[in-house]
């Protein structure tokens, strides 16, 4: 967790990209975990513009109605912090 966050903040671009690629497709799942949600927040913060777009698209386009990822995340005790981070972009 802390090592991954450090790499996202201070690492090489290719290392950041590798981490962001690894969480792609799992943003909802990871955001609901106490420690993994911190990594997702850092990914949103330090991602390139295209990577941010990809992460945000995953949140807003997954499911519909009560199964919408965004609604699930807004109500989750950890994932709501990821939603807040995204809303500041």
PDB file of N, CA and C in Angstrom:
ATOM      1  N   UNK A   1       0.817  -1.188   0.000  1.00  0.00           N
ATOM      2  CA  UNK A   1       0.000   0.000   0.000  1.00  0.00           C
ATOM      3  C   UNK A   1       0.871   1.267   0.000  1.00  0.00           C
ATOM      4  N   UNK A   2       1.710   1.441   1.002  1.00  0.00           N
ATOM      5  CA  UNK A   2       2.518   2.652   1.086  1.00  0.00           C
ATOM      6  C   UNK A   2       3.601   2.679   0.011  1.00  0.00           C
ATOM      7  N   UNK A   3       4.137   1.538  -0.313  1.00  0.00           N
ATOM      8  CA  UNK A   3       5.152   1.472  -1.371  1.00  0.00           C
ATOM      9  C   UNK A   3       4.524   1.852  -2.705  1.00  0.00           C
ATOM     10  N   UNK A   4       3.345   1.315  -2.981  1.00  0.00           N
ATOM     11  CA  UNK A   4       2.648   1.624  -4.234  1.00  0.00           C
ATOM     12  C   UNK A   4       2.325   3.116  -4.290  1.00  0.00           C
ATOM     13  N   UNK A   5       1.857   3.676  -3.195  1.00  0.00           N
ATOM     14  CA  UNK A   5       1.554   5.110  -3.162  1.00  0.00           C
ATOM     15  C   UNK A   5       2.813   5.939  -3.401  1.00  0.00           C
ATOM     16  N   UNK A   6       3.925   5.511  -2.821  1.00  0.00           N
ATOM     17  CA  UNK A   6       5.189   6.225  -3.009  1.00  0.00           C
ATOM     18  C   UNK A   6       5.613   6.187  -4.478  1.00  0.00           C
ATOM     19  N   UNK A   7       5.479   5.041  -5.110  1.00  0.00           N
ATOM     20  CA  UNK A   7       5.833   4.921  -6.530  1.00  0.00           C
ATOM     21  C   UNK A   7       4.926   5.822  -7.367  1.00  0.00           C
ATOM     22  N   UNK A   8       3.650   5.871  -7.044  1.00  0.00           N
ATOM     23  CA  UNK A   8       2.736   6.743  -7.785  1.00  0.00           C
ATOM     24  C   UNK A   8       3.132   8.208  -7.641  1.00  0.00           C
ATOM     25  N   UNK A   9       3.572   8.598  -6.466  1.00  0.00           N
ATOM     26  CA  UNK A   9       3.952   9.990  -6.228  1.00  0.00           C
ATOM     27  C   UNK A   9       5.319  10.342  -6.797  1.00  0.00           C
ATOM     28  N   UNK A  10       6.286   9.437  -6.655  1.00  0.00           N
ATOM     29  CA  UNK A  10       7.672   9.781  -6.959  1.00  0.00           C
ATOM     30  C   UNK A  10       8.326   8.912  -8.030  1.00  0.00           C
ATOM     31  N   UNK A  11       7.622   7.913  -8.502  1.00  0.00           N
ATOM     32  CA  UNK A  11       8.212   6.956  -9.434  1.00  0.00           C
ATOM     33  C   UNK A  11       8.236   7.443 -10.874  1.00  0.00           C
ATOM     34  N   UNK A  12       8.746   6.586 -11.722  1.00  0.00           N
ATOM     35  CA  UNK A  12       8.814   6.868 -13.154  1.00  0.00           C
ATOM     36  C   UNK A  12       7.423   6.752 -13.770  1.00  0.00           C
ATOM     37  N   UNK A  13       7.237   7.449 -14.876  1.00  0.00           N
ATOM     38  CA  UNK A  13       5.948   7.443 -15.567  1.00  0.00           C
ATOM     39  C   UNK A  13       5.538   6.021 -15.939  1.00  0.00           C
ATOM     40  N   UNK A  14       6.495   5.227 -16.426  1.00  0.00           N
ATOM     41  CA  UNK A  14       6.149   3.857 -16.836  1.00  0.00           C
ATOM     42  C   UNK A  14       5.731   2.996 -15.640  1.00  0.00           C
ATOM     43  N   UNK A  15       6.280   3.275 -14.461  1.00  0.00           N
ATOM     44  CA  UNK A  15       5.863   2.536 -13.264  1.00  0.00           C
ATOM     45  C   UNK A  15       4.448   2.938 -12.846  1.00  0.00           C
ATOM     46  N   UNK A  16       4.151   4.237 -12.931  1.00  0.00           N
ATOM     47  CA  UNK A  16       2.794   4.705 -12.639  1.00  0.00           C
ATOM     48  C   UNK A  16       1.794   4.065 -13.586  1.00  0.00           C
ATOM     49  N   UNK A  17       2.151   4.059 -14.857  1.00  0.00           N
ATOM     50  CA  UNK A  17       1.268   3.480 -15.867  1.00  0.00           C
ATOM     51  C   UNK A  17       1.021   2.003 -15.594  1.00  0.00           C
ATOM     52  N   UNK A  18       2.043   1.292 -15.192  1.00  0.00           N
ATOM     53  CA  UNK A  18       1.901  -0.136 -14.882  1.00  0.00           C
ATOM     54  C   UNK A  18       0.926  -0.347 -13.716  1.00  0.00           C
ATOM     55  N   UNK A  19       1.012   0.490 -12.707  1.00  0.00           N
ATOM     56  CA  UNK A  19       0.113   0.373 -11.552  1.00  0.00           C
ATOM     57  C   UNK A  19      -1.318   0.710 -11.957  1.00  0.00           C
ATOM     58  N   UNK A  20      -1.481   1.788 -12.700  1.00  0.00           N
ATOM     59  CA  UNK A  20      -2.818   2.204 -13.122  1.00  0.00           C
ATOM     60  C   UNK A  20      -3.449   1.151 -14.024  1.00  0.00           C
ATOM     61  N   UNK A  21      -2.654   0.553 -14.888  1.00  0.00           N
ATOM     62  CA  UNK A  21      -3.150  -0.530 -15.741  1.00  0.00           C
ATOM     63  C   UNK A  21      -3.611  -1.711 -14.889  1.00  0.00           C
ATOM     64  N   UNK A  22      -2.887  -1.982 -13.812  1.00  0.00           N
ATOM     65  CA  UNK A  22      -3.229  -3.109 -12.935  1.00  0.00           C
ATOM     66  C   UNK A  22      -4.556  -2.896 -12.206  1.00  0.00           C
ATOM     67  N   UNK A  23      -4.899  -1.647 -11.894  1.00  0.00           N
ATOM     68  CA  UNK A  23      -6.163  -1.420 -11.189  1.00  0.00           C
ATOM     69  C   UNK A  23      -7.331  -1.221 -12.148  1.00  0.00           C
ATOM     70  N   UNK A  24      -7.043  -0.960 -13.400  1.00  0.00           N
ATOM     71  CA  UNK A  24      -8.109  -0.770 -14.386  1.00  0.00           C
ATOM     72  C   UNK A  24      -8.992  -2.008 -14.434  1.00  0.00           C
ATOM     73  N   UNK A  25     -10.284  -1.774 -14.445  1.00  0.00           N
ATOM     74  CA  UNK A  25     -11.235  -2.871 -14.431  1.00  0.00           C
ATOM     75  C   UNK A  25     -11.600  -3.322 -13.028  1.00  0.00           C
ATOM     76  N   UNK A  26     -10.934  -2.747 -12.024  1.00  0.00           N
ATOM     77  CA  UNK A  26     -11.167  -3.147 -10.628  1.00  0.00           C
ATOM     78  C   UNK A  26     -11.348  -1.938  -9.710  1.00  0.00           C
ATOM     79  N   UNK A  27     -11.627  -0.787 -10.287  1.00  0.00           N
ATOM     80  CA  UNK A  27     -11.720   0.440  -9.492  1.00  0.00           C
ATOM     81  C   UNK A  27     -12.801   0.326  -8.415  1.00  0.00           C
ATOM     82  N   UNK A  28     -13.972  -0.158  -8.776  1.00  0.00           N
ATOM     83  CA  UNK A  28     -15.049  -0.290  -7.789  1.00  0.00           C
ATOM     84  C   UNK A  28     -14.632  -1.223  -6.658  1.00  0.00           C
ATOM     85  N   UNK A  29     -14.151  -2.383  -7.006  1.00  0.00           N
ATOM     86  CA  UNK A  29     -13.752  -3.380  -6.005  1.00  0.00           C
ATOM     87  C   UNK A  29     -12.659  -2.841  -5.082  1.00  0.00           C
ATOM     88  N   UNK A  30     -11.623  -2.254  -5.652  1.00  0.00           N
ATOM     89  CA  UNK A  30     -10.501  -1.767  -4.847  1.00  0.00           C
ATOM     90  C   UNK A  30     -10.880  -0.545  -4.014  1.00  0.00           C
ATOM     91  N   UNK A  31     -11.772   0.274  -4.542  1.00  0.00           N
ATOM     92  CA  UNK A  31     -12.189   1.477  -3.818  1.00  0.00           C
ATOM     93  C   UNK A  31     -12.950   1.148  -2.544  1.00  0.00           C
ATOM     94  N   UNK A  32     -13.526  -0.030  -2.473  1.00  0.00           N
ATOM     95  CA  UNK A  32     -14.300  -0.423  -1.302  1.00  0.00           C
ATOM     96  C   UNK A  32     -13.434  -1.047  -0.206  1.00  0.00           C
ATOM     97  N   UNK A  33     -12.152  -1.129  -0.444  1.00  0.00           N
ATOM     98  CA  UNK A  33     -11.218  -1.697   0.531  1.00  0.00           C
ATOM     99  C   UNK A  33     -10.495  -0.553   1.247  1.00  0.00           C
ATOM    100  N   UNK A  34     -10.351  -0.672   2.553  1.00  0.00           N
ATOM    101  CA  UNK A  34      -9.783   0.411   3.370  1.00  0.00           C
ATOM    102  C   UNK A  34      -8.441   0.919   2.853  1.00  0.00           C
ATOM    103  N   UNK A  35      -7.519   0.018   2.557  1.00  0.00           N
ATOM    104  CA  UNK A  35      -6.177   0.443   2.154  1.00  0.00           C
ATOM    105  C   UNK A  35      -6.045   0.608   0.647  1.00  0.00           C
ATOM    106  N   UNK A  36      -6.711  -0.245  -0.101  1.00  0.00           N
ATOM    107  CA  UNK A  36      -6.637  -0.152  -1.562  1.00  0.00           C
ATOM    108  C   UNK A  36      -7.272   1.140  -2.064  1.00  0.00           C
ATOM    109  N   UNK A  37      -8.255   1.653  -1.338  1.00  0.00           N
ATOM    110  CA  UNK A  37      -8.893   2.903  -1.761  1.00  0.00           C
ATOM    111  C   UNK A  37      -7.892   4.057  -1.764  1.00  0.00           C
ATOM    112  N   UNK A  38      -6.917   4.017  -0.865  1.00  0.00           N
ATOM    113  CA  UNK A  38      -5.873   5.049  -0.854  1.00  0.00           C
ATOM    114  C   UNK A  38      -5.028   4.979  -2.119  1.00  0.00           C
ATOM    115  N   UNK A  39      -4.768   3.778  -2.583  1.00  0.00           N
ATOM    116  CA  UNK A  39      -4.004   3.598  -3.819  1.00  0.00           C
ATOM    117  C   UNK A  39      -4.810   4.125  -5.001  1.00  0.00           C
ATOM    118  N   UNK A  40      -6.103   3.835  -5.035  1.00  0.00           N
ATOM    119  CA  UNK A  40      -6.951   4.325  -6.127  1.00  0.00           C
ATOM    120  C   UNK A  40      -6.974   5.850  -6.124  1.00  0.00           C
ATOM    121  N   UNK A  41      -7.057   6.453  -4.950  1.00  0.00           N
ATOM    122  CA  UNK A  41      -7.020   7.921  -4.857  1.00  0.00           C
ATOM    123  C   UNK A  41      -5.727   8.474  -5.454  1.00  0.00           C
ATOM    124  N   UNK A  42      -4.605   7.860  -5.126  1.00  0.00           N
ATOM    125  CA  UNK A  42      -3.315   8.312  -5.663  1.00  0.00           C
ATOM    126  C   UNK A  42      -3.258   8.105  -7.171  1.00  0.00           C
ATOM    127  N   UNK A  43      -3.845   7.016  -7.649  1.00  0.00           N
ATOM    128  CA  UNK A  43      -3.879   6.783  -9.096  1.00  0.00           C
ATOM    129  C   UNK A  43      -4.624   7.916  -9.789  1.00  0.00           C
ATOM    130  N   UNK A  44      -5.756   8.299  -9.233  1.00  0.00           N
ATOM    131  CA  UNK A  44      -6.539   9.394  -9.809  1.00  0.00           C
ATOM    132  C   UNK A  44      -5.737  10.694  -9.775  1.00  0.00           C
ATOM    133  N   UNK A  45      -4.996  10.907  -8.718  1.00  0.00           N
ATOM    134  CA  UNK A  45      -4.223  12.138  -8.569  1.00  0.00           C
ATOM    135  C   UNK A  45      -3.053  12.212  -9.541  1.00  0.00           C
ATOM    136  N   UNK A  46      -2.322  11.123  -9.702  1.00  0.00           N
ATOM    137  CA  UNK A  46      -1.073  11.155 -10.465  1.00  0.00           C
ATOM    138  C   UNK A  46      -1.173  10.557 -11.862  1.00  0.00           C
ATOM    139  N   UNK A  47      -2.350  10.154 -12.281  1.00  0.00           N
ATOM    140  CA  UNK A  47      -2.528   9.590 -13.620  1.00  0.00           C
ATOM    141  C   UNK A  47      -2.403  10.680 -14.679  1.00  0.00           C
ATOM    142  N   UNK A  48      -2.062  10.267 -15.885  1.00  0.00           N
ATOM    143  CA  UNK A  48      -2.083  11.198 -17.015  1.00  0.00           C
ATOM    144  C   UNK A  48      -3.537  11.543 -17.319  1.00  0.00           C
ATOM    145  N   UNK A  49      -3.749  12.513 -18.158  1.00  0.00           N
ATOM    146  CA  UNK A  49      -5.109  12.916 -18.518  1.00  0.00           C
ATOM    147  C   UNK A  49      -5.906  11.738 -19.087  1.00  0.00           C
ATOM    148  N   UNK A  50      -5.292  10.987 -19.997  1.00  0.00           N
ATOM    149  CA  UNK A  50      -5.977   9.839 -20.601  1.00  0.00           C
ATOM    150  C   UNK A  50      -6.262   8.744 -19.577  1.00  0.00           C
ATOM    151  N   UNK A  51      -5.320   8.512 -18.672  1.00  0.00           N
ATOM    152  CA  UNK A  51      -5.527   7.499 -17.632  1.00  0.00           C
ATOM    153  C   UNK A  51      -6.644   7.919 -16.681  1.00  0.00           C
ATOM    154  N   UNK A  52      -6.690   9.214 -16.339  1.00  0.00           N
ATOM    155  CA  UNK A  52      -7.770   9.713 -15.482  1.00  0.00           C
ATOM    156  C   UNK A  52      -9.112   9.506 -16.158  1.00  0.00           C
ATOM    157  N   UNK A  53      -9.169   9.820 -17.443  1.00  0.00           N
ATOM    158  CA  UNK A  53     -10.408   9.648 -18.198  1.00  0.00           C
ATOM    159  C   UNK A  53     -10.854   8.184 -18.157  1.00  0.00           C
ATOM    160  N   UNK A  54      -9.898   7.278 -18.323  1.00  0.00           N
ATOM    161  CA  UNK A  54     -10.197   5.847 -18.304  1.00  0.00           C
ATOM    162  C   UNK A  54     -10.741   5.419 -16.936  1.00  0.00           C
ATOM    163  N   UNK A  55     -10.106   5.873 -15.865  1.00  0.00           N
ATOM    164  CA  UNK A  55     -10.554   5.513 -14.515  1.00  0.00           C
ATOM    165  C   UNK A  55     -11.943   6.081 -14.222  1.00  0.00           C
ATOM    166  N   UNK A  56     -12.167   7.323 -14.603  1.00  0.00           N
ATOM    167  CA  UNK A  56     -13.463   7.964 -14.367  1.00  0.00           C
ATOM    168  C   UNK A  56     -14.551   7.291 -15.192  1.00  0.00           C
ATOM    169  N   UNK A  57     -14.243   6.982 -16.452  1.00  0.00           N
ATOM    170  CA  UNK A  57     -15.215   6.288 -17.305  1.00  0.00           C
ATOM    171  C   UNK A  57     -15.632   4.960 -16.694  1.00  0.00           C
ATOM    172  N   UNK A  58     -14.687   4.284 -16.083  1.00  0.00           N
ATOM    173  CA  UNK A  58     -14.996   3.001 -15.447  1.00  0.00           C
ATOM    174  C   UNK A  58     -16.018   3.181 -14.328  1.00  0.00           C
ATOM    175  N   UNK A  59     -15.893   4.252 -13.589  1.00  0.00           N
ATOM    176  CA  UNK A  59     -16.805   4.503 -12.469  1.00  0.00           C
ATOM    177  C   UNK A  59     -18.189   4.913 -12.966  1.00  0.00           C
ATOM    178  N   UNK A  60     -18.249   5.793 -13.939  1.00  0.00           N
ATOM    179  CA  UNK A  60     -19.545   6.334 -14.357  1.00  0.00           C
ATOM    180  C   UNK A  60     -20.276   5.463 -15.368  1.00  0.00           C
ATOM    181  N   UNK A  61     -19.605   4.524 -15.991  1.00  0.00           N
ATOM    182  CA  UNK A  61     -20.274   3.732 -17.025  1.00  0.00           C
ATOM    183  C   UNK A  61     -20.565   2.294 -16.604  1.00  0.00           C
ATOM    184  N   UNK A  62     -20.226   1.921 -15.377  1.00  0.00           N
ATOM    185  CA  UNK A  62     -20.438   0.551 -14.916  1.00  0.00           C
ATOM    186  C   UNK A  62     -21.791   0.430 -14.237  1.00  0.00           C
ATOM    187  N   UNK A  63     -22.669  -0.377 -14.796  1.00  0.00           N
ATOM    188  CA  UNK A  63     -23.976  -0.636 -14.208  1.00  0.00           C
ATOM    189  C   UNK A  63     -24.948   0.502 -14.428  1.00  0.00           C
ATOM    190  N   UNK A  64     -26.180   0.276 -13.981  1.00  0.00           N
ATOM    191  CA  UNK A  64     -27.197   1.316 -14.065  1.00  0.00           C
ATOM    192  C   UNK A  64     -28.154   1.168 -12.886  1.00  0.00           C
ATOM    193  N   UNK A  65     -28.924   2.208 -12.656  1.00  0.00           N
ATOM    194  CA  UNK A  65     -29.849   2.195 -11.528  1.00  0.00           C
ATOM    195  C   UNK A  65     -29.113   2.007 -10.211  1.00  0.00           C
ATOM    196  N   UNK A  66     -29.651   1.163  -9.334  1.00  0.00           N
ATOM    197  CA  UNK A  66     -29.010   0.962  -8.025  1.00  0.00           C
ATOM    198  C   UNK A  66     -27.681   0.211  -8.116  1.00  0.00           C
ATOM    199  N   UNK A  67     -27.406  -0.384  -9.269  1.00  0.00           N
ATOM    200  CA  UNK A  67     -26.143  -1.110  -9.458  1.00  0.00           C
ATOM    201  C   UNK A  67     -25.061  -0.244 -10.088  1.00  0.00           C
ATOM    202  N   UNK A  68     -25.331   1.025 -10.232  1.00  0.00           N
ATOM    203  CA  UNK A  68     -24.368   1.963 -10.809  1.00  0.00           C
ATOM    204  C   UNK A  68     -23.161   2.081  -9.876  1.00  0.00           C
ATOM    205  N   UNK A  69     -21.979   1.926 -10.444  1.00  0.00           N
ATOM    206  CA  UNK A  69     -20.751   1.974  -9.640  1.00  0.00           C
ATOM    207  C   UNK A  69     -20.645   3.284  -8.866  1.00  0.00           C
ATOM    208  N   UNK A  70     -21.001   4.378  -9.499  1.00  0.00           N
ATOM    209  CA  UNK A  70     -20.900   5.674  -8.828  1.00  0.00           C
ATOM    210  C   UNK A  70     -21.780   5.721  -7.580  1.00  0.00           C
ATOM    211  N   UNK A  71     -23.009   5.242  -7.682  1.00  0.00           N
ATOM    212  CA  UNK A  71     -23.900   5.233  -6.511  1.00  0.00           C
ATOM    213  C   UNK A  71     -23.378   4.320  -5.413  1.00  0.00           C
ATOM    214  N   UNK A  72     -22.886   3.164  -5.801  1.00  0.00           N
ATOM    215  CA  UNK A  72     -22.323   2.233  -4.821  1.00  0.00           C
ATOM    216  C   UNK A  72     -21.146   2.886  -4.103  1.00  0.00           C
ATOM    217  N   UNK A  73     -20.291   3.538  -4.879  1.00  0.00           N
ATOM    218  CA  UNK A  73     -19.101   4.171  -4.307  1.00  0.00           C
ATOM    219  C   UNK A  73     -19.464   5.337  -3.398  1.00  0.00           C
ATOM    220  N   UNK A  74     -20.465   6.109  -3.784  1.00  0.00           N
ATOM    221  CA  UNK A  74     -20.868   7.252  -2.970  1.00  0.00           C
ATOM    222  C   UNK A  74     -21.355   6.823  -1.585  1.00  0.00           C
ATOM    223  N   UNK A  75     -21.935   5.632  -1.506  1.00  0.00           N
ATOM    224  CA  UNK A  75     -22.489   5.139  -0.243  1.00  0.00           C
ATOM    225  C   UNK A  75     -21.492   4.324   0.576  1.00  0.00           C
ATOM    226  N   UNK A  76     -20.356   3.994  -0.009  1.00  0.00           N
ATOM    227  CA  UNK A  76     -19.385   3.144   0.670  1.00  0.00           C
ATOM    228  C   UNK A  76     -18.480   3.976   1.580  1.00  0.00           C
ATOM    229  N   UNK A  77     -18.127   3.408   2.735  1.00  0.00           N
ATOM    230  CA  UNK A  77     -17.328   4.132   3.727  1.00  0.00           C
ATOM    231  C   UNK A  77     -15.927   4.480   3.251  1.00  0.00           C
ATOM    232  N   UNK A  78     -15.373   3.729   2.300  1.00  0.00           N
ATOM    233  CA  UNK A  78     -14.031   4.016   1.789  1.00  0.00           C
ATOM    234  C   UNK A  78     -14.078   4.584   0.373  1.00  0.00           C
ATOM    235  N   UNK A  79     -14.936   4.023  -0.453  1.00  0.00           N
ATOM    236  CA  UNK A  79     -15.000   4.431  -1.860  1.00  0.00           C
ATOM    237  C   UNK A  79     -15.471   5.869  -2.025  1.00  0.00           C
ATOM    238  N   UNK A  80     -16.208   6.381  -1.058  1.00  0.00           N
ATOM    239  CA  UNK A  80     -16.693   7.759  -1.183  1.00  0.00           C
ATOM    240  C   UNK A  80     -15.539   8.756  -1.233  1.00  0.00           C
ATOM    241  N   UNK A  81     -14.398   8.396  -0.655  1.00  0.00           N
ATOM    242  CA  UNK A  81     -13.234   9.279  -0.722  1.00  0.00           C
ATOM    243  C   UNK A  81     -12.656   9.318  -2.134  1.00  0.00           C
ATOM    244  N   UNK A  82     -12.750   8.226  -2.844  1.00  0.00           N
ATOM    245  CA  UNK A  82     -12.312   8.194  -4.243  1.00  0.00           C
ATOM    246  C   UNK A  82     -13.232   9.089  -5.073  1.00  0.00           C
ATOM    247  N   UNK A  83     -14.529   9.006  -4.822  1.00  0.00           N
ATOM    248  CA  UNK A  83     -15.494   9.852  -5.532  1.00  0.00           C
ATOM    249  C   UNK A  83     -15.190  11.322  -5.261  1.00  0.00           C
ATOM    250  N   UNK A  84     -14.889  11.661  -4.019  1.00  0.00           N
ATOM    251  CA  UNK A  84     -14.547  13.046  -3.692  1.00  0.00           C
ATOM    252  C   UNK A  84     -13.309  13.496  -4.450  1.00  0.00           C
ATOM    253  N   UNK A  85     -12.306  12.638  -4.521  1.00  0.00           N
ATOM    254  CA  UNK A  85     -11.069  12.974  -5.231  1.00  0.00           C
ATOM    255  C   UNK A  85     -11.365  13.221  -6.705  1.00  0.00           C
ATOM    256  N   UNK A  86     -12.189  12.373  -7.297  1.00  0.00           N
ATOM    257  CA  UNK A  86     -12.556  12.522  -8.708  1.00  0.00           C
ATOM    258  C   UNK A  86     -13.332  13.816  -8.913  1.00  0.00           C
ATOM    259  N   UNK A  87     -14.183  14.175  -7.971  1.00  0.00           N
ATOM    260  CA  UNK A  87     -15.006  15.377  -8.132  1.00  0.00           C
ATOM    261  C   UNK A  87     -14.181  16.662  -8.107  1.00  0.00           C
ATOM    262  N   UNK A  88     -12.974  16.599  -7.552  1.00  0.00           N
ATOM    263  CA  UNK A  88     -12.112  17.783  -7.510  1.00  0.00           C
ATOM    264  C   UNK A  88     -11.331  17.991  -8.800  1.00  0.00           C
ATOM    265  N   UNK A  89     -11.406  17.030  -9.718  1.00  0.00           N
ATOM    266  CA  UNK A  89     -10.641  17.150 -10.969  1.00  0.00           C
ATOM    267  C   UNK A  89     -11.265  18.150 -11.912  1.00  0.00           C
TER     268      UNK A  89
END
